[in-house]
Protein backbone atom coordinates (compact mmCIF):
# COMPACT_ATOMS: atom_id res chain seq x y z
CA MET A 1 96.03 61.80 82.22
CA CYS A 2 95.59 63.54 78.67
CA TRP A 3 98.90 65.19 79.02
CA ALA A 4 100.92 61.82 79.41
CA ILE A 5 98.99 60.21 76.58
CA PHE A 6 99.60 63.26 74.48
CA LEU A 7 103.69 62.85 75.36
CA PHE A 8 103.62 59.49 74.48
CA LEU A 9 101.96 59.88 70.95
CA THR A 10 104.36 62.60 70.32
CA VAL A 11 107.53 60.68 71.43
CA ILE A 12 106.37 57.76 69.39
CA PHE A 13 105.14 59.51 66.14
CA VAL A 14 107.69 62.49 66.24
CA SER A 15 110.61 61.95 68.21
CA TRP A 16 111.46 58.33 67.08
CA PRO A 17 111.63 59.37 63.39
CA VAL A 18 113.80 62.48 64.26
CA LYS A 19 115.96 59.90 66.37
CA TYR A 20 116.42 57.95 63.43
CA PHE A 21 117.19 60.94 61.20
CA LEU A 22 119.71 62.04 63.54
CA ALA A 23 121.42 58.67 63.65
CA VAL A 24 121.74 58.30 59.94
CA CYS A 25 123.00 61.92 59.75
CA TRP A 26 125.51 61.54 62.37
CA VAL A 27 126.87 58.39 60.80
CA TYR A 28 126.73 58.97 57.07
CA GLY A 29 125.89 62.63 57.07
CA THR A 30 123.23 64.32 55.17
CA GLN A 31 124.79 62.86 51.87
CA GLY A 32 124.06 59.23 52.97
CA TYR A 33 120.05 60.26 54.22
CA PHE A 34 119.43 62.72 51.50
CA HIS A 35 121.21 61.28 48.60
CA ASP A 36 122.18 57.48 49.19
CA GLY A 37 118.86 56.82 50.72
CA ILE A 38 120.06 55.16 53.68
CA ARG A 39 117.47 55.00 56.83
CA ALA A 40 117.53 53.50 60.03
CA LEU A 41 115.29 50.16 60.19
CA ARG A 42 113.19 49.91 63.36
CA VAL A 43 114.47 46.43 64.22
CA LYS A 44 116.30 45.04 67.37
CA PRO A 45 119.08 45.46 67.27
CA PRO A 46 118.76 48.77 65.25
CA ARG A 47 120.55 48.41 61.81
CA PHE A 48 120.73 50.76 58.88
CA SER A 49 119.09 49.93 55.60
CA ASN A 50 122.66 49.05 54.09
CA GLY A 51 122.99 46.31 56.58
CA ALA A 52 125.31 47.95 58.95
CA PRO A 53 124.50 47.90 62.76
CA VAL A 54 123.95 51.47 64.34
CA PRO A 55 126.71 52.29 66.79
CA MET A 56 125.61 51.72 70.43
CA ASN A 57 126.49 55.27 71.47
CA VAL A 58 124.92 56.80 68.48
CA ASP A 59 121.92 55.15 69.45
CA ILE A 60 121.81 55.81 72.93
CA VAL A 61 122.57 59.48 72.70
CA THR A 62 120.16 60.13 69.94
CA GLY A 63 117.45 58.24 71.71
CA PHE A 64 117.89 60.18 75.17
CA GLY A 65 118.47 63.46 73.59
CA THR A 66 115.19 63.27 71.60
CA PHE A 67 113.05 61.97 74.31
CA PHE A 68 114.39 64.75 76.80
CA ALA A 69 114.18 67.40 74.27
CA THR A 70 110.63 66.43 73.45
CA VAL A 71 109.09 65.93 77.00
CA LEU A 72 110.97 68.98 78.38
CA GLY A 73 109.90 71.20 75.65
CA LEU A 74 106.40 70.09 75.69
CA THR A 75 106.16 70.23 79.37
CA LEU A 76 107.56 73.87 79.75
CA LEU A 77 105.10 74.90 76.96
CA LEU A 78 102.11 73.44 78.99
CA ILE A 79 103.48 75.36 82.00
CA PHE A 80 103.87 78.52 80.04
CA THR A 81 100.63 78.27 78.61
CA LEU A 82 98.67 77.67 81.66
CA ARG A 83 100.50 80.50 83.44
CA PHE A 84 99.40 82.88 80.58
CA TYR A 85 95.95 81.58 80.48
CA GLN A 86 95.82 82.26 84.56
CA ARG A 87 96.94 85.74 83.95
CA LEU A 88 94.25 86.18 81.45
CA THR A 89 91.45 85.00 83.56
CA LYS A 90 92.49 86.87 87.06
CA LYS A 91 92.61 90.06 84.76
CA ARG A 92 88.98 89.40 83.58
CA ILE A 93 87.75 88.74 87.09
CA ARG A 94 89.03 91.57 88.58
């Protein structure tokens, strides 16, 4: 249960800002994000701060990509950490 809460909070507070950053960089490039100050707004349907709508394919690809990268990456980190901990404790018991 704690792991699900941790994943949920990580997706909301880390993945979504990365998703919006990637969407702006995909459409307007890094020039648009860093120099022109264009941001993706958290409204439905998603829009950029200059009033243009976020293209549907960009929104879907960046959303799925950041979600799966976060969840898969953190789950693999948990698995490898638990396996490492298990190996450490087995050596101490013997």
